[in-house]
Amino acid sequence: MTTSPSFDLDLTKYQLGWSDEAEYAFTPEKGLDEGVIDQISWWKGEPRWMTKLRQRSLKTFERKPMNPWFAVNMPDIDFQDIYYYLKPAAAQTDEWDDLPEQMRQTYEKLGIPEAERQYLAGVTSQYDSEVVYHRNREDLEKQGILFCDMDTALREYPDIVKQYFGTVIPPGDNKFAALNTSVWSGGSFIYVPPGVEVEMPLQAYFRINSENAGQFERTLIIADEGAKVHYIEGCSAPVYTNDALHSAVVEIVVKPSARVTYTTIQNWSPNVYNLVTKRARVEAEGHMEWIDGNIGSKLTMKYPSVYLVGPKATGEVLSVAYAGAGQHQDAGAKMIHAAPETTSKIVSKSISKDGGITTYRGLVRVDDGATNCKSHVQCDALILDEESESRTLPYMEVGERDAQIGHEATVSKVADEQLFYLMSRGLSEEQAMGMVVNGFIEPITRTLPMEYAVEWSRLIELQMEGSVG
């Protein structure tokens, strides 16, 4: 079984909180300016059009204000106190034994080699700013499936990258999309040809190793007509006194009748700002599903979006957020119905304890002309003590009278009767509490492949250690 990241609300128990002595290709310097942009592009040997896009995006980032709720939640972030590009000295390899010993030990601890052998069609592993390991199965390559890191894709498939890069999420979409477009490095690229189904999940793992580091991976997935693919990513970082920044961009193109599932299990340490822009464009009769798990991180702001642009397209977001002491999970979803007979579903589960804050922030919009649309939103919050908070901020914009839009929300606490019943069956109070919480998120975990569902449940159990008594 894969070894997923493990996190306990006591910082000393964060099991991925170590850091490694890594060697870098050059001495990194903090801060962001045109020189940093040029350095990134030079090291990567990028085409001129990408360098110019980076430079334009930097100017957009500098002049674009933060959305109000971002600014309120992180007023002290210093963009000049961050390493924007940390290039490991080791070159990318497809053989584990070729990785430096420190990196290899890191990924052995994370269970990546075993995951690749037993469960996965392909694996990408990113360490700070660069992908250090990648392997794609030969049988997938024979089917025409392209799976590599974004830097390799830009070199080997420049026409495809140029055709789609920044088309789902323009650089000026928001301040952090502009930041990512200016300094992006690494991330995954997937292209699945028409009618091809990837039977096993593709996986990427992202590790921030350095203090004051930023990680800005860029992921682009294109599922051509009738194709099917499932992509899974996991994340972790050491515990430091100073903050780290993770600001990724994920663009997904779902062609007619294609299906894409994107699963994220992000288990950052409590000093990470996790600010991600994720969006899919779905054409006629296509389907997009986001499965999103957020644990750890000082602040998460992430709202996976689905733009339903073709008739009978469907979208679904299933999310779980857990906020402990000093943490704020501000997550949600956006569904944009821009074509007739489109359908969407949002299910959000949140858990807060020890003064943690969870926020659901979502949007359902039905455009003029998008007739016969259906959408259902369900937000369920579980609060485990008197100090914690749950907030729900749903927005509905409906431009057609025949739209069927539903929203329901619940906020609950663990009832004494539930605990008493379970404890009367021989469970400790802590075990009983963990069982109730796992039952609460079961609608999400049952959508995962079995090995990931087991690990996700184990993560929640670790969260519950010391939660009672």
Protein backbone atom coordinates (compact mmCIF):
# COMPACT_ATOMS: atom_id res chain seq x y z
CA MET A 1 0.00 0.00 0.00
CA THR A 2 1.19 3.53 -0.69
CA THR A 3 2.41 5.65 2.17
CA SER A 4 0.47 8.89 2.06
CA PRO A 5 1.50 12.00 4.00
CA SER A 6 0.58 11.93 7.68
CA PHE A 7 -0.23 14.96 9.76
CA ASP A 8 -1.07 15.53 13.39
CA LEU A 9 -2.26 18.85 14.74
CA ASP A 10 0.68 18.93 17.15
CA LEU A 11 3.49 20.35 14.97
CA THR A 12 6.00 17.97 16.54
CA LYS A 13 3.96 15.05 15.17
CA TYR A 14 3.86 16.17 11.54
CA GLN A 15 5.44 13.06 10.10
CA LEU A 16 6.76 14.69 6.91
CA GLY A 17 8.30 17.62 8.77
CA TRP A 18 11.92 16.78 8.07
CA SER A 19 14.08 18.70 5.62
CA ASP A 20 17.02 17.48 3.57
CA GLU A 21 20.40 19.01 2.80
CA ALA A 22 19.85 19.59 -0.91
CA GLU A 23 22.44 20.77 -3.43
CA TYR A 24 21.37 23.44 -5.92
CA ALA A 25 22.71 24.34 -9.35
CA PHE A 26 23.32 27.95 -8.25
CA THR A 27 23.14 30.00 -5.07
CA PRO A 28 19.51 31.09 -4.81
CA GLU A 29 18.51 34.64 -3.98
CA LYS A 30 15.24 35.88 -2.56
CA GLY A 31 12.96 38.32 -4.32
CA LEU A 32 11.23 38.80 -7.65
CA ASP A 33 12.20 41.03 -10.56
CA GLU A 34 12.90 40.77 -14.31
CA GLY A 35 16.34 39.34 -13.60
CA VAL A 36 14.82 36.36 -11.78
CA ILE A 37 12.41 35.81 -14.67
CA ASP A 38 15.22 35.88 -17.22
CA GLN A 39 17.29 33.51 -15.08
CA ILE A 40 14.48 30.95 -14.89
CA SER A 41 13.88 31.07 -18.62
CA TRP A 42 17.62 30.90 -19.40
CA TRP A 43 18.22 27.86 -17.20
CA LYS A 44 15.34 26.09 -18.90
CA GLY A 45 16.35 27.06 -22.44
CA GLU A 46 12.83 28.22 -23.23
CA PRO A 47 11.54 29.64 -26.52
CA ARG A 48 11.33 33.40 -26.77
CA TRP A 49 7.52 33.44 -26.67
CA MET A 50 7.51 31.88 -23.20
CA THR A 51 10.11 34.33 -21.90
CA LYS A 52 8.01 37.24 -23.15
CA LEU A 53 4.88 35.74 -21.60
CA ARG A 54 6.67 35.45 -18.26
CA GLN A 55 7.82 39.08 -18.45
CA ARG A 56 4.33 40.38 -19.31
CA SER A 57 2.84 38.31 -16.50
CA LEU A 58 5.29 39.79 -13.99
CA LYS A 59 4.08 43.28 -14.89
CA THR A 60 0.48 42.08 -14.49
CA PHE A 61 1.31 40.63 -11.08
CA GLU A 62 2.95 43.86 -9.92
CA ARG A 63 -0.01 46.08 -10.80
CA LYS A 64 -2.90 43.71 -10.04
CA PRO A 65 -4.41 43.97 -6.54
CA MET A 66 -5.22 40.93 -4.46
CA ASN A 67 -8.84 39.91 -4.14
CA PRO A 68 -10.18 41.34 -0.87
CA TRP A 69 -10.53 38.02 0.94
CA PHE A 70 -6.93 37.12 0.07
CA ALA A 71 -5.64 40.43 1.42
CA VAL A 72 -7.60 40.12 4.66
CA ASN A 73 -6.30 36.64 5.38
CA MET A 74 -2.62 37.24 4.67
CA PRO A 75 -1.84 40.93 5.12
CA ASP A 76 1.77 40.30 6.11
CA ILE A 77 2.96 38.24 3.14
CA ASP A 78 6.26 39.60 1.80
CA PHE A 79 6.74 38.68 -1.85
CA GLN A 80 10.39 39.76 -1.71
CA ASP A 81 11.20 37.32 1.10
CA ILE A 82 10.68 34.20 -1.02
CA TYR A 83 12.94 31.99 -3.14
CA TYR A 84 11.14 31.80 -6.49
CA TYR A 85 13.45 29.34 -8.21
CA LEU A 86 15.41 26.58 -6.52
CA LYS A 87 17.01 24.32 -9.11
CA PRO A 88 18.36 21.05 -7.69
CA ALA A 89 21.83 20.20 -8.92
CA ALA A 90 20.68 16.73 -9.93
CA ALA A 91 19.34 16.28 -13.45
CA GLN A 92 15.98 14.63 -14.06
CA THR A 93 16.12 10.85 -14.28
CA ASP A 94 13.84 7.88 -14.83
CA GLU A 95 15.91 5.61 -12.55
CA TRP A 96 15.57 5.85 -8.78
CA ASP A 97 19.16 4.81 -8.20
CA ASP A 98 20.38 7.84 -10.17
CA LEU A 99 18.81 10.32 -7.73
CA PRO A 100 21.05 11.85 -5.04
CA GLU A 101 20.91 9.87 -1.81
CA GLN A 102 19.07 12.59 0.15
CA MET A 103 16.32 12.91 -2.44
CA ARG A 104 15.98 9.16 -2.80
CA GLN A 105 15.55 8.78 0.95
CA THR A 106 12.92 11.52 0.94
CA TYR A 107 10.82 9.78 -1.69
CA GLU A 108 11.37 6.36 -0.11
CA LYS A 109 9.87 7.81 3.10
CA LEU A 110 6.92 9.05 1.07
CA GLY A 111 6.36 5.64 -0.47
CA ILE A 112 6.70 6.83 -4.06
CA PRO A 113 8.68 3.83 -5.44
CA GLU A 114 6.18 1.35 -3.99
CA ALA A 115 3.30 3.45 -5.28
CA GLU A 116 4.76 3.37 -8.76
CA ARG A 117 5.27 -0.39 -8.71
CA GLN A 118 1.89 -1.36 -7.35
CA TYR A 119 -0.75 1.15 -8.30
CA LEU A 120 0.25 3.71 -10.86
CA ALA A 121 0.55 4.05 -14.60
CA GLY A 122 3.17 6.78 -14.34
CA VAL A 123 4.82 8.97 -11.73
CA THR A 124 6.28 12.47 -11.64
CA SER A 125 8.11 13.72 -8.54
CA GLN A 126 8.93 17.39 -8.07
CA TYR A 127 11.47 18.61 -5.51
CA ASP A 128 11.31 22.37 -4.88
CA SER A 129 11.26 24.01 -8.36
CA GLU A 130 12.13 21.10 -10.66
CA VAL A 131 10.90 17.63 -11.50
CA VAL A 132 13.70 15.27 -10.46
CA TYR A 133 12.12 11.95 -11.41
CA HIS A 134 9.66 10.90 -14.07
CA ARG A 135 8.61 7.58 -15.54
CA ASN A 136 5.88 6.74 -18.02
CA ARG A 137 4.88 3.16 -18.77
CA GLU A 138 5.81 1.90 -22.22
CA ASP A 139 2.32 0.60 -22.96
CA LEU A 140 0.93 4.11 -22.42
CA GLU A 141 3.47 5.60 -24.78
CA LYS A 142 2.44 3.08 -27.44
CA GLN A 143 -1.13 4.36 -27.16
CA GLY A 144 0.04 7.89 -27.84
CA ILE A 145 -0.47 9.08 -24.25
CA LEU A 146 1.89 11.93 -23.45
CA PHE A 147 2.78 12.23 -19.76
CA CYS A 148 5.76 14.29 -18.69
CA ASP A 149 6.68 17.39 -16.72
CA MET A 150 5.72 20.78 -18.17
CA ASP A 151 9.32 21.78 -18.91
CA THR A 152 9.84 18.67 -21.02
CA ALA A 153 6.51 19.27 -22.75
CA LEU A 154 7.57 22.80 -23.69
CA ARG A 155 10.73 21.39 -25.30
CA GLU A 156 9.26 18.32 -26.98
CA TYR A 157 5.64 19.33 -27.72
CA PRO A 158 5.87 23.11 -28.06
CA ASP A 159 2.94 23.40 -30.49
CA ILE A 160 0.52 21.68 -28.11
CA VAL A 161 1.72 23.71 -25.12
CA LYS A 162 1.48 26.99 -27.01
CA GLN A 163 -2.01 26.10 -28.26
CA TYR A 164 -3.45 25.54 -24.76
CA PHE A 165 -1.17 27.28 -22.22
CA GLY A 166 -3.04 30.12 -20.53
CA THR A 167 -6.28 29.55 -22.47
CA VAL A 168 -8.28 28.15 -19.55
CA ILE A 169 -6.69 30.42 -16.94
CA PRO A 170 -5.37 33.65 -18.51
CA PRO A 171 -2.33 35.24 -16.81
CA GLY A 172 -4.46 38.21 -15.73
CA ASP A 173 -7.20 36.08 -14.16
CA ASN A 174 -6.01 36.93 -10.63
CA LYS A 175 -2.85 38.09 -8.92
CA PHE A 176 -1.59 34.59 -8.17
CA ALA A 177 -2.31 33.29 -11.67
CA ALA A 178 -0.11 36.13 -12.92
CA LEU A 179 2.57 35.23 -10.36
CA ASN A 180 2.53 31.59 -11.40
CA THR A 181 2.70 32.42 -15.12
CA SER A 182 5.75 34.59 -14.49
CA VAL A 183 7.75 32.10 -12.37
CA TRP A 184 6.20 28.67 -13.08
CA SER A 185 8.46 25.65 -12.95
CA GLY A 186 7.67 21.96 -13.12
CA GLY A 187 4.21 20.48 -12.88
CA SER A 188 2.62 17.84 -15.08
CA PHE A 189 1.63 17.69 -18.73
CA ILE A 190 -0.83 15.06 -19.98
CA TYR A 191 -2.33 14.55 -23.41
CA VAL A 192 -4.67 11.59 -24.02
CA PRO A 193 -5.55 10.92 -27.69
CA PRO A 194 -9.16 10.52 -28.90
CA GLY A 195 -10.95 7.45 -27.59
CA VAL A 196 -8.05 6.30 -25.36
CA GLU A 197 -8.73 5.37 -21.74
CA VAL A 198 -5.94 5.42 -19.16
CA GLU A 199 -6.90 2.47 -16.98
CA MET A 200 -4.62 3.25 -14.01
CA PRO A 201 -4.12 6.63 -12.29
CA LEU A 202 -1.23 8.88 -13.22
CA GLN A 203 0.42 10.45 -10.18
CA ALA A 204 2.59 13.41 -9.27
CA TYR A 205 4.16 14.27 -5.91
CA PHE A 206 5.26 17.78 -4.95
CA ARG A 207 7.71 18.44 -2.13
CA ILE A 208 8.78 21.86 -0.79
CA ASN A 209 12.07 21.20 0.99
CA SER A 210 13.60 24.62 1.62
CA GLU A 211 12.78 27.38 4.08
CA ASN A 212 11.12 30.52 2.64
CA ALA A 213 10.58 28.62 -0.58
CA GLY A 214 7.89 29.11 -3.17
CA GLN A 215 6.64 26.32 -5.39
CA PHE A 216 4.85 27.32 -8.58
CA GLU A 217 4.13 24.20 -10.58
CA ARG A 218 2.02 24.43 -13.71
CA THR A 219 -0.18 21.52 -14.79
CA LEU A 220 -1.90 21.16 -18.16
CA ILE A 221 -4.15 18.20 -19.00
CA ILE A 222 -5.86 17.70 -22.36
CA ALA A 223 -8.30 14.81 -22.76
CA ASP A 224 -9.20 14.59 -26.43
CA GLU A 225 -12.60 13.49 -27.69
CA GLY A 226 -13.87 10.38 -25.90
CA ALA A 227 -10.69 10.00 -23.82
CA LYS A 228 -10.59 9.14 -20.11
CA VAL A 229 -7.91 9.78 -17.47
CA HIS A 230 -7.52 9.95 -13.69
CA TYR A 231 -4.69 12.06 -12.23
CA ILE A 232 -3.69 12.06 -8.55
CA GLU A 233 -1.32 14.46 -6.80
CA GLY A 234 0.03 14.64 -3.27
CA CYS A 235 1.99 17.36 -1.49
CA SER A 236 4.07 17.91 1.64
CA ALA A 237 6.59 20.31 3.20
CA PRO A 238 8.86 20.50 6.27
CA VAL A 239 7.92 22.48 9.35
CA TYR A 240 9.83 25.77 9.57
CA THR A 241 9.41 28.92 11.62
CA ASN A 242 9.10 31.06 8.50
CA ASP A 243 6.30 30.77 5.98
CA ALA A 244 6.42 29.09 2.57
CA LEU A 245 4.24 29.77 -0.47
CA HIS A 246 2.62 27.27 -2.79
CA SER A 247 0.87 28.91 -5.73
CA ALA A 248 0.02 26.50 -8.53
CA VAL A 249 -2.09 26.76 -11.66
CA VAL A 250 -3.97 23.78 -13.09
CA GLU A 251 -5.61 23.98 -16.54
CA ILE A 252 -7.73 21.13 -17.88
CA VAL A 253 -9.30 20.81 -21.32
CA VAL A 254 -12.07 18.20 -21.59
CA LYS A 255 -13.04 17.60 -25.22
CA PRO A 256 -16.46 16.25 -26.29
CA SER A 257 -17.47 13.05 -24.45
CA ALA A 258 -14.14 12.91 -22.59
CA ARG A 259 -13.87 12.29 -18.82
CA VAL A 260 -11.22 13.63 -16.43
CA THR A 261 -10.89 12.98 -12.71
CA TYR A 262 -8.38 15.08 -10.77
CA THR A 263 -7.68 13.99 -7.19
CA THR A 264 -5.63 16.12 -4.82
CA ILE A 265 -4.52 15.12 -1.33
CA GLN A 266 -2.63 18.15 -0.04
CA ASN A 267 -1.02 17.68 3.34
CA TRP A 268 1.15 20.78 3.70
CA SER A 269 2.82 21.72 6.97
CA PRO A 270 1.26 24.50 9.12
CA ASN A 271 3.59 27.23 7.81
CA VAL A 272 2.53 26.99 4.15
CA TYR A 273 0.28 29.45 2.33
CA ASN A 274 -1.54 27.24 -0.20
CA LEU A 275 -3.04 29.42 -2.94
CA VAL A 276 -4.08 27.52 -6.04
CA THR A 277 -6.07 28.34 -9.20
CA LYS A 278 -7.65 25.23 -10.76
CA ARG A 279 -10.05 25.32 -13.71
CA ALA A 280 -11.44 23.00 -16.35
CA ARG A 281 -13.20 23.75 -19.63
CA VAL A 282 -15.67 21.03 -20.56
CA GLU A 283 -17.09 20.62 -24.06
CA ALA A 284 -20.26 18.82 -25.21
CA GLU A 285 -21.15 15.74 -23.13
CA GLY A 286 -17.78 15.81 -21.41
CA HIS A 287 -17.38 15.28 -17.66
CA MET A 288 -14.98 16.84 -15.15
CA GLU A 289 -14.62 15.68 -11.55
CA TRP A 290 -12.45 17.36 -8.91
CA ILE A 291 -11.81 15.38 -5.71
CA ASP A 292 -10.05 17.70 -3.29
CA GLY A 293 -8.61 16.94 0.15
CA ASN A 294 -6.98 19.69 2.21
CA ILE A 295 -5.20 19.08 5.49
CA GLY A 296 -2.55 21.21 7.17
CA SER A 297 -1.31 24.54 5.77
CA LYS A 298 -1.55 27.85 7.55
CA LEU A 299 -4.01 29.08 4.93
CA THR A 300 -5.59 27.33 1.96
CA MET A 301 -7.48 29.30 -0.67
CA LYS A 302 -8.60 27.04 -3.48
CA TYR A 303 -11.80 26.94 -5.54
CA PRO A 304 -11.71 24.28 -8.31
CA SER A 305 -13.78 25.58 -11.21
CA VAL A 306 -15.64 23.94 -14.08
CA TYR A 307 -16.75 25.91 -17.14
CA LEU A 308 -19.45 23.88 -18.88
CA VAL A 309 -19.20 25.29 -22.40
CA GLY A 310 -20.79 22.46 -24.43
CA PRO A 311 -24.35 21.08 -24.36
CA LYS A 312 -24.94 18.28 -21.83
CA ALA A 313 -21.52 18.78 -20.23
CA THR A 314 -21.32 17.82 -16.54
CA GLY A 315 -19.12 18.83 -13.63
CA GLU A 316 -18.62 17.67 -10.06
CA VAL A 317 -16.54 18.88 -7.12
CA LEU A 318 -16.16 16.73 -3.99
CA SER A 319 -14.03 18.30 -1.27
CA VAL A 320 -12.92 17.74 2.32
CA ALA A 321 -11.14 20.35 4.43
CA TYR A 322 -9.74 19.94 7.94
CA ALA A 323 -8.63 22.97 9.96
CA GLY A 324 -6.80 22.70 13.26
CA ALA A 325 -5.15 25.22 15.56
CA GLY A 326 -4.00 28.34 13.72
CA GLN A 327 -5.31 27.10 10.38
CA HIS A 328 -7.87 28.46 7.95
CA GLN A 329 -9.17 26.28 5.12
CA ASP A 330 -10.95 28.66 2.72
CA ALA A 331 -12.07 26.33 -0.05
CA GLY A 332 -15.03 25.76 -2.32
CA ALA A 333 -15.94 25.44 -5.98
CA LYS A 334 -17.20 27.32 -9.00
CA MET A 335 -19.60 25.98 -11.62
CA ILE A 336 -20.25 28.07 -14.72
CA HIS A 337 -23.13 26.86 -16.90
CA ALA A 338 -22.47 28.42 -20.31
CA ALA A 339 -24.38 25.92 -22.47
CA PRO A 340 -27.83 24.28 -22.44
CA GLU A 341 -28.66 21.08 -20.54
CA THR A 342 -25.53 21.20 -18.40
CA THR A 343 -25.45 19.67 -14.93
CA SER A 344 -23.24 20.26 -11.90
CA LYS A 345 -22.86 19.02 -8.36
CA ILE A 346 -20.84 20.36 -5.44
CA VAL A 347 -20.38 18.44 -2.18
CA SER A 348 -18.25 20.15 0.46
CA LYS A 349 -17.34 18.57 3.81
CA SER A 350 -15.39 20.53 6.43
CA ILE A 351 -14.11 19.70 9.91
CA SER A 352 -12.67 22.18 12.40
CA LYS A 353 -11.17 21.80 15.86
CA ASP A 354 -8.87 23.61 18.31
CA GLY A 355 -9.96 27.02 17.01
CA GLY A 356 -9.53 26.16 13.32
CA ILE A 357 -11.63 27.97 10.71
CA THR A 358 -13.22 26.41 7.63
CA THR A 359 -14.92 28.46 4.93
CA TYR A 360 -16.94 27.29 1.96
CA ARG A 361 -16.79 29.94 -0.77
CA GLY A 362 -18.61 28.93 -3.93
CA LEU A 363 -20.28 30.17 -7.08
CA VAL A 364 -22.94 28.65 -9.34
CA ARG A 365 -23.65 30.77 -12.43
CA VAL A 366 -26.12 30.07 -15.23
CA ASP A 367 -25.49 32.30 -18.24
CA ASP A 368 -28.16 33.73 -20.52
CA GLY A 369 -29.07 31.12 -23.12
CA ALA A 370 -27.99 28.18 -20.95
CA THR A 371 -31.45 26.61 -20.75
CA ASN A 372 -32.50 23.47 -18.85
CA CYS A 373 -29.54 23.52 -16.48
CA LYS A 374 -29.36 21.73 -13.14
CA SER A 375 -27.08 22.30 -10.17
CA HIS A 376 -27.02 21.07 -6.58
CA VAL A 377 -24.77 22.34 -3.79
CA GLN A 378 -24.37 20.59 -0.45
CA CYS A 379 -22.19 22.05 2.33
CA ASP A 380 -21.78 20.08 5.55
CA ALA A 381 -19.65 21.29 8.45
CA LEU A 382 -18.60 19.40 11.58
CA ILE A 383 -17.33 21.49 14.50
CA LEU A 384 -15.52 19.57 17.24
CA ASP A 385 -15.25 22.21 19.97
CA GLU A 386 -16.50 25.61 21.08
CA GLU A 387 -13.49 27.55 19.77
CA SER A 388 -13.70 26.52 16.12
CA GLU A 389 -15.64 28.16 13.28
CA SER A 390 -17.38 27.23 10.06
CA ARG A 391 -18.48 29.78 7.45
CA THR A 392 -20.56 29.30 4.31
CA LEU A 393 -20.51 31.88 1.50
CA PRO A 394 -22.51 30.57 -1.48
CA TYR A 395 -23.22 32.76 -4.50
CA MET A 396 -25.89 32.00 -7.11
CA GLU A 397 -26.22 33.92 -10.37
CA VAL A 398 -29.06 32.56 -12.50
CA GLY A 399 -29.77 33.97 -15.96
CA GLU A 400 -32.47 31.50 -17.10
CA ARG A 401 -35.90 30.94 -15.56
CA ASP A 402 -35.97 27.18 -16.15
CA ALA A 403 -32.75 26.48 -14.24
CA GLN A 404 -33.05 24.03 -11.34
CA ILE A 405 -30.69 25.16 -8.58
CA GLY A 406 -30.59 23.62 -5.12
CA HIS A 407 -28.50 24.44 -2.06
CA GLU A 408 -28.42 22.86 1.35
CA ALA A 409 -26.10 23.39 4.28
CA THR A 410 -25.70 21.77 7.68
CA VAL A 411 -23.55 22.58 10.70
CA SER A 412 -23.31 19.96 13.42
CA LYS A 413 -21.37 18.79 16.42
CA VAL A 414 -20.64 15.27 17.57
CA ALA A 415 -23.57 14.27 19.78
CA ASP A 416 -22.94 12.79 23.21
CA GLU A 417 -25.41 10.03 22.34
CA GLN A 418 -23.29 8.99 19.36
CA LEU A 419 -20.15 8.77 21.45
CA PHE A 420 -21.96 6.91 24.24
CA TYR A 421 -23.35 4.32 21.83
CA LEU A 422 -19.96 3.65 20.22
CA MET A 423 -18.12 3.57 23.54
CA SER A 424 -20.66 1.08 24.87
CA ARG A 425 -19.47 -1.20 22.06
CA GLY A 426 -15.91 -1.16 23.39
CA LEU A 427 -14.37 1.85 21.64
CA SER A 428 -12.39 4.51 23.46
CA GLU A 429 -13.74 8.06 23.29
CA GLU A 430 -10.97 9.00 20.85
CA GLN A 431 -11.72 5.99 18.61
CA ALA A 432 -15.42 6.78 18.72
CA MET A 433 -14.78 10.39 17.72
CA GLY A 434 -12.57 9.25 14.84
CA MET A 435 -15.25 6.85 13.62
CA VAL A 436 -17.89 9.59 13.61
CA VAL A 437 -15.60 11.90 11.64
CA ASN A 438 -14.72 9.20 9.11
CA GLY A 439 -18.42 8.48 8.66
CA PHE A 440 -18.99 12.19 8.06
CA ILE A 441 -16.54 12.27 5.13
CA GLU A 442 -17.43 8.82 3.77
CA PRO A 443 -19.30 10.25 0.73
CA ILE A 444 -15.96 11.66 -0.42
CA THR A 445 -13.64 8.78 0.51
CA ARG A 446 -15.77 6.21 -1.29
CA THR A 447 -15.00 7.97 -4.59
CA LEU A 448 -11.26 7.28 -4.19
CA PRO A 449 -9.39 4.19 -5.33
CA MET A 450 -9.28 1.76 -2.40
CA GLU A 451 -5.65 2.34 -1.43
CA TYR A 452 -6.13 6.10 -1.34
CA ALA A 453 -9.40 5.84 0.59
CA VAL A 454 -7.65 3.82 3.29
CA GLU A 455 -4.80 6.31 3.53
CA TRP A 456 -7.19 9.28 3.62
CA SER A 457 -9.10 7.69 6.49
CA ARG A 458 -5.80 7.14 8.29
CA LEU A 459 -4.95 10.82 7.86
CA ILE A 460 -8.22 11.77 9.54
CA GLU A 461 -7.51 9.33 12.38
CA LEU A 462 -4.15 11.00 12.94
CA GLN A 463 -5.94 14.35 13.07
CA MET A 464 -8.09 13.01 15.88
CA GLU A 465 -5.25 11.95 18.15
CA GLY A 466 -5.56 13.91 21.36
CA SER A 467 -8.83 15.48 20.29
CA VAL A 468 -10.73 14.42 23.39
CA GLY A 469 -10.12 14.03 27.08
